[in-house]
């Protein structure tokens, strides 16, 4: 549902409002959802059925386990969500540095795709 709402054009805040309106509890069982929870869920590859093990910023060694968990979203839809999140983000990578864009994302502004 969360991925569908996001792909349907809802913002993270819009998703939170919809979940709370439908009285769907957060993963911790609370009535209130936080933005970070939704953001992490939208970025978590586990929902495609893949799990990365031993992934950390300190080591380049990691393992990908596929097919151990049921997928609740297709890999293609997950990729589309990641592209959409990157377009909406006001943080960009410039080499090894992270910077803020000079202007914020606006859903009203037309972007080339």
N, C-alpha and C. Protein backbone atom coordinates (compact mmCIF):
# COMPACT_ATOMS: atom_id res chain seq x y z
N UNK A 1 0.82 -1.19 0.00
CA UNK A 1 0.00 0.00 0.00
C UNK A 1 0.87 1.27 0.00
N UNK A 2 1.92 1.26 0.81
CA UNK A 2 2.78 2.44 0.91
C UNK A 2 3.46 2.72 -0.42
N UNK A 3 3.99 1.67 -1.07
CA UNK A 3 4.64 1.84 -2.37
C UNK A 3 3.62 2.30 -3.41
N UNK A 4 2.41 1.72 -3.38
CA UNK A 4 1.37 2.11 -4.33
C UNK A 4 0.99 3.58 -4.17
N UNK A 5 0.86 4.03 -2.94
CA UNK A 5 0.52 5.43 -2.69
C UNK A 5 1.62 6.35 -3.21
N UNK A 6 2.88 5.97 -2.96
CA UNK A 6 4.00 6.79 -3.41
C UNK A 6 4.05 6.83 -4.93
N UNK A 7 3.89 5.67 -5.56
CA UNK A 7 3.89 5.62 -7.03
C UNK A 7 2.69 6.34 -7.62
N UNK A 8 1.64 6.48 -6.83
CA UNK A 8 0.45 7.21 -7.26
C UNK A 8 0.57 8.72 -7.09
N UNK A 9 1.73 9.17 -6.60
CA UNK A 9 1.97 10.60 -6.49
C UNK A 9 1.88 11.17 -5.09
N UNK A 10 1.59 10.33 -4.10
CA UNK A 10 1.49 10.83 -2.73
C UNK A 10 2.87 11.16 -2.17
N UNK A 11 2.93 12.19 -1.38
CA UNK A 11 4.16 12.52 -0.65
C UNK A 11 4.23 11.63 0.59
N UNK A 12 5.35 11.67 1.28
CA UNK A 12 5.49 10.90 2.51
C UNK A 12 4.45 11.37 3.53
N UNK A 13 4.25 12.67 3.62
CA UNK A 13 3.22 13.21 4.53
C UNK A 13 1.83 12.73 4.11
N UNK A 14 1.57 12.72 2.81
CA UNK A 14 0.28 12.23 2.31
C UNK A 14 0.06 10.77 2.65
N UNK A 15 1.12 9.98 2.57
CA UNK A 15 1.03 8.57 2.93
C UNK A 15 0.73 8.42 4.41
N UNK A 16 1.40 9.21 5.24
CA UNK A 16 1.15 9.16 6.69
C UNK A 16 -0.31 9.50 6.99
N UNK A 17 -0.82 10.55 6.36
CA UNK A 17 -2.22 10.94 6.58
C UNK A 17 -3.17 9.82 6.20
N UNK A 18 -2.89 9.15 5.07
CA UNK A 18 -3.76 8.05 4.61
C UNK A 18 -3.69 6.86 5.57
N UNK A 19 -2.51 6.50 6.01
CA UNK A 19 -2.36 5.38 6.95
C UNK A 19 -3.08 5.68 8.27
N UNK A 20 -2.94 6.89 8.76
CA UNK A 20 -3.58 7.27 10.02
C UNK A 20 -5.10 7.38 9.84
N UNK A 21 -5.53 7.85 8.66
CA UNK A 21 -6.96 7.93 8.38
C UNK A 21 -7.59 6.53 8.38
N UNK A 22 -6.86 5.56 7.85
CA UNK A 22 -7.35 4.19 7.81
C UNK A 22 -7.07 3.42 9.10
N UNK A 23 -6.50 4.12 10.08
CA UNK A 23 -6.19 3.56 11.39
C UNK A 23 -5.26 2.35 11.30
N UNK A 24 -4.29 2.44 10.38
CA UNK A 24 -3.26 1.41 10.24
C UNK A 24 -2.12 1.78 11.18
N UNK A 25 -1.76 0.86 12.06
CA UNK A 25 -0.73 1.13 13.05
C UNK A 25 0.66 1.04 12.43
N UNK A 26 1.59 1.78 13.01
CA UNK A 26 2.99 1.76 12.57
C UNK A 26 3.59 0.39 12.92
N UNK A 27 4.78 0.09 12.40
CA UNK A 27 5.42 -1.18 12.75
C UNK A 27 5.64 -1.38 14.25
N UNK A 28 5.73 -0.28 14.99
CA UNK A 28 5.89 -0.38 16.44
C UNK A 28 4.55 -0.41 17.17
N UNK A 29 3.45 -0.43 16.41
CA UNK A 29 2.12 -0.53 17.01
C UNK A 29 1.50 0.79 17.42
N UNK A 30 2.09 1.89 16.99
CA UNK A 30 1.57 3.21 17.37
C UNK A 30 0.62 3.74 16.30
N UNK A 31 -0.29 4.60 16.73
CA UNK A 31 -1.25 5.21 15.79
C UNK A 31 -0.58 6.27 14.93
N UNK A 32 0.46 6.91 15.45
CA UNK A 32 1.18 7.96 14.72
C UNK A 32 2.37 7.35 13.98
N UNK A 33 2.52 7.74 12.73
CA UNK A 33 3.66 7.31 11.91
C UNK A 33 4.66 8.46 11.83
N UNK A 34 5.93 8.13 11.71
CA UNK A 34 6.90 9.20 11.50
C UNK A 34 7.45 9.11 10.08
N UNK A 35 7.88 10.27 9.58
CA UNK A 35 8.37 10.37 8.20
C UNK A 35 9.54 9.42 7.96
N UNK A 36 10.42 9.31 8.91
CA UNK A 36 11.60 8.46 8.75
C UNK A 36 11.21 7.00 8.51
N UNK A 37 10.16 6.52 9.18
CA UNK A 37 9.70 5.14 9.00
C UNK A 37 9.29 4.90 7.56
N UNK A 38 8.52 5.82 7.01
CA UNK A 38 8.05 5.69 5.62
C UNK A 38 9.24 5.76 4.67
N UNK A 39 10.15 6.70 4.91
CA UNK A 39 11.32 6.86 4.05
C UNK A 39 12.18 5.60 4.05
N UNK A 40 12.40 5.03 5.22
CA UNK A 40 13.20 3.80 5.32
C UNK A 40 12.49 2.65 4.60
N UNK A 41 11.20 2.56 4.77
CA UNK A 41 10.45 1.49 4.09
C UNK A 41 10.55 1.63 2.58
N UNK A 42 10.43 2.85 2.07
CA UNK A 42 10.50 3.07 0.62
C UNK A 42 11.90 2.79 0.08
N UNK A 43 12.91 2.80 0.92
CA UNK A 43 14.29 2.58 0.50
C UNK A 43 14.78 1.16 0.78
N UNK A 44 13.98 0.34 1.42
CA UNK A 44 14.42 -0.97 1.88
C UNK A 44 14.19 -2.04 0.81
N UNK A 45 15.29 -2.57 0.29
CA UNK A 45 15.22 -3.56 -0.78
C UNK A 45 14.63 -4.89 -0.31
N UNK A 46 14.50 -5.09 0.99
CA UNK A 46 13.92 -6.33 1.51
C UNK A 46 12.52 -6.58 0.97
N UNK A 47 11.80 -5.51 0.66
CA UNK A 47 10.42 -5.67 0.19
C UNK A 47 10.35 -6.26 -1.22
N UNK A 48 11.50 -6.36 -1.92
CA UNK A 48 11.55 -7.01 -3.23
C UNK A 48 11.89 -8.49 -3.09
N UNK A 49 12.15 -8.94 -1.86
CA UNK A 49 12.53 -10.32 -1.61
C UNK A 49 14.02 -10.51 -1.49
N UNK A 50 14.80 -9.44 -1.67
CA UNK A 50 16.26 -9.50 -1.55
C UNK A 50 16.69 -8.96 -0.20
N UNK A 51 17.74 -9.56 0.36
CA UNK A 51 18.29 -9.08 1.62
C UNK A 51 19.80 -8.98 1.45
N UNK A 52 20.36 -7.81 1.75
CA UNK A 52 21.81 -7.65 1.73
C UNK A 52 22.34 -7.89 3.13
N UNK A 53 23.28 -8.81 3.23
CA UNK A 53 23.86 -9.16 4.52
C UNK A 53 25.26 -8.59 4.63
N UNK A 54 25.65 -8.21 5.82
CA UNK A 54 26.97 -7.64 6.13
C UNK A 54 27.24 -6.35 5.37
N UNK A 55 26.20 -5.64 5.00
CA UNK A 55 26.40 -4.37 4.31
C UNK A 55 26.61 -3.27 5.35
N UNK A 56 27.73 -2.59 5.23
CA UNK A 56 28.00 -1.48 6.14
C UNK A 56 28.91 -0.50 5.43
N UNK A 57 29.04 0.67 5.97
CA UNK A 57 29.90 1.67 5.39
C UNK A 57 31.38 1.36 5.58
N UNK A 58 31.69 0.46 6.50
CA UNK A 58 33.08 0.16 6.82
C UNK A 58 33.68 -0.92 5.91
N UNK A 59 32.85 -1.78 5.35
CA UNK A 59 33.36 -2.90 4.56
C UNK A 59 32.69 -2.95 3.21
N UNK A 60 33.46 -3.31 2.21
CA UNK A 60 32.88 -3.46 0.88
C UNK A 60 32.31 -4.86 0.68
N UNK A 61 32.55 -5.75 1.64
CA UNK A 61 32.08 -7.12 1.54
C UNK A 61 30.62 -7.19 1.97
N UNK A 62 29.79 -7.74 1.12
CA UNK A 62 28.42 -8.00 1.49
C UNK A 62 27.87 -9.13 0.62
N UNK A 63 26.79 -9.71 1.05
CA UNK A 63 26.18 -10.84 0.35
C UNK A 63 24.73 -10.50 0.08
N UNK A 64 24.23 -10.93 -1.07
CA UNK A 64 22.84 -10.72 -1.43
C UNK A 64 22.12 -12.05 -1.37
N UNK A 65 21.12 -12.14 -0.51
CA UNK A 65 20.30 -13.34 -0.40
C UNK A 65 18.99 -13.07 -1.14
N UNK A 66 18.72 -13.87 -2.17
CA UNK A 66 17.51 -13.69 -2.97
C UNK A 66 16.57 -14.87 -2.75
N UNK A 67 15.29 -14.58 -2.79
CA UNK A 67 14.29 -15.63 -2.73
C UNK A 67 14.01 -16.21 -1.36
N UNK A 68 14.63 -15.65 -0.32
CA UNK A 68 14.38 -16.15 1.03
C UNK A 68 13.13 -15.53 1.66
N UNK A 69 12.78 -14.36 1.20
CA UNK A 69 11.62 -13.64 1.73
C UNK A 69 10.63 -13.41 0.59
N UNK A 70 9.34 -13.43 0.91
CA UNK A 70 8.37 -13.15 -0.15
C UNK A 70 8.44 -11.67 -0.56
N UNK A 71 8.37 -11.42 -1.84
CA UNK A 71 8.39 -10.04 -2.35
C UNK A 71 6.99 -9.45 -2.24
N UNK A 72 6.91 -8.21 -1.75
CA UNK A 72 5.61 -7.53 -1.72
C UNK A 72 5.56 -6.41 -2.76
N UNK A 73 6.68 -6.18 -3.44
CA UNK A 73 6.74 -5.21 -4.52
C UNK A 73 7.73 -5.73 -5.56
N UNK A 74 7.44 -5.47 -6.82
CA UNK A 74 8.33 -5.94 -7.88
C UNK A 74 9.62 -5.13 -7.86
N UNK A 75 10.67 -5.73 -8.38
CA UNK A 75 11.97 -5.04 -8.47
C UNK A 75 11.85 -3.81 -9.36
N UNK A 76 11.02 -3.90 -10.40
CA UNK A 76 10.83 -2.77 -11.30
C UNK A 76 10.16 -1.60 -10.59
N UNK A 77 9.11 -1.90 -9.82
CA UNK A 77 8.42 -0.84 -9.07
C UNK A 77 9.35 -0.22 -8.03
N UNK A 78 10.16 -1.06 -7.39
CA UNK A 78 11.12 -0.55 -6.40
C UNK A 78 12.10 0.42 -7.06
N UNK A 79 12.58 0.07 -8.25
CA UNK A 79 13.51 0.95 -8.97
C UNK A 79 12.84 2.28 -9.32
N UNK A 80 11.58 2.22 -9.72
CA UNK A 80 10.85 3.46 -10.06
C UNK A 80 10.72 4.33 -8.81
N UNK A 81 10.45 3.74 -7.67
CA UNK A 81 10.35 4.49 -6.42
C UNK A 81 11.69 5.16 -6.10
N UNK A 82 12.79 4.44 -6.30
CA UNK A 82 14.11 5.01 -6.00
C UNK A 82 14.42 6.19 -6.92
N UNK A 83 14.03 6.09 -8.20
CA UNK A 83 14.22 7.19 -9.15
C UNK A 83 13.39 8.40 -8.72
N UNK A 84 12.15 8.14 -8.36
CA UNK A 84 11.25 9.22 -7.92
C UNK A 84 11.79 9.90 -6.66
N UNK A 85 12.27 9.10 -5.71
CA UNK A 85 12.84 9.66 -4.48
C UNK A 85 14.05 10.53 -4.79
N UNK A 86 14.89 10.08 -5.71
CA UNK A 86 16.09 10.85 -6.07
C UNK A 86 15.70 12.18 -6.71
N UNK A 87 14.65 12.17 -7.53
CA UNK A 87 14.20 13.42 -8.17
C UNK A 87 13.64 14.39 -7.15
N UNK A 88 12.97 13.87 -6.13
CA UNK A 88 12.35 14.72 -5.13
C UNK A 88 13.34 15.19 -4.06
N UNK A 89 14.45 14.51 -3.94
CA UNK A 89 15.43 14.84 -2.92
C UNK A 89 16.08 16.18 -3.20
N UNK A 90 16.38 16.91 -2.15
CA UNK A 90 17.10 18.17 -2.34
C UNK A 90 18.59 17.99 -1.99
N UNK A 91 19.02 16.73 -1.85
CA UNK A 91 20.43 16.42 -1.61
C UNK A 91 21.00 15.75 -2.85
N UNK A 92 22.15 16.22 -3.29
CA UNK A 92 22.80 15.63 -4.46
C UNK A 92 24.22 15.22 -4.10
N UNK A 93 24.73 14.22 -4.80
CA UNK A 93 26.12 13.79 -4.60
C UNK A 93 26.98 14.47 -5.63
N UNK A 94 28.05 15.07 -5.16
CA UNK A 94 29.03 15.71 -6.04
C UNK A 94 30.37 15.08 -5.71
N UNK A 95 30.73 14.02 -6.44
CA UNK A 95 31.92 13.27 -6.10
C UNK A 95 31.70 12.54 -4.80
N UNK A 96 32.54 12.78 -3.82
CA UNK A 96 32.39 12.16 -2.50
C UNK A 96 31.61 13.05 -1.54
N UNK A 97 31.20 14.22 -1.99
CA UNK A 97 30.51 15.19 -1.15
C UNK A 97 29.00 15.13 -1.38
N UNK A 98 28.25 15.45 -0.34
CA UNK A 98 26.79 15.58 -0.46
C UNK A 98 26.45 17.05 -0.27
N UNK A 99 25.64 17.59 -1.17
CA UNK A 99 25.25 18.99 -1.11
C UNK A 99 23.74 19.12 -1.24
N UNK A 100 23.25 20.25 -0.85
CA UNK A 100 21.84 20.57 -1.05
C UNK A 100 21.67 21.25 -2.39
N UNK A 101 20.57 20.94 -3.07
CA UNK A 101 20.27 21.61 -4.33
C UNK A 101 19.95 23.08 -4.03
N UNK A 102 20.13 23.92 -5.03
CA UNK A 102 19.86 25.34 -4.82
C UNK A 102 18.36 25.62 -4.77
N UNK A 103 17.57 24.73 -5.34
CA UNK A 103 16.11 24.90 -5.24
C UNK A 103 15.49 23.58 -4.83
N UNK A 104 14.38 23.66 -4.11
CA UNK A 104 13.71 22.46 -3.62
C UNK A 104 12.80 21.88 -4.70
N UNK A 105 12.49 20.60 -4.54
CA UNK A 105 11.57 19.91 -5.43
C UNK A 105 10.17 20.49 -5.28
N UNK A 106 9.49 20.63 -6.38
CA UNK A 106 8.09 21.06 -6.35
C UNK A 106 7.29 20.14 -7.25
N UNK A 107 6.21 19.59 -6.73
CA UNK A 107 5.39 18.69 -7.53
C UNK A 107 4.65 19.48 -8.62
N UNK A 108 4.63 20.80 -8.49
CA UNK A 108 3.95 21.65 -9.49
C UNK A 108 4.85 21.99 -10.66
N UNK A 109 6.16 21.85 -10.46
CA UNK A 109 7.11 22.19 -11.50
C UNK A 109 7.25 21.02 -12.46
N UNK A 110 7.34 21.29 -13.75
CA UNK A 110 7.50 20.25 -14.75
C UNK A 110 8.97 19.89 -14.88
N UNK A 111 9.27 18.61 -14.77
CA UNK A 111 10.63 18.11 -14.91
C UNK A 111 10.72 17.24 -16.14
N UNK A 112 11.86 17.28 -16.81
CA UNK A 112 12.08 16.39 -17.94
C UNK A 112 12.35 14.99 -17.44
N UNK A 113 11.74 14.01 -18.08
CA UNK A 113 11.93 12.63 -17.64
C UNK A 113 12.59 11.82 -18.71
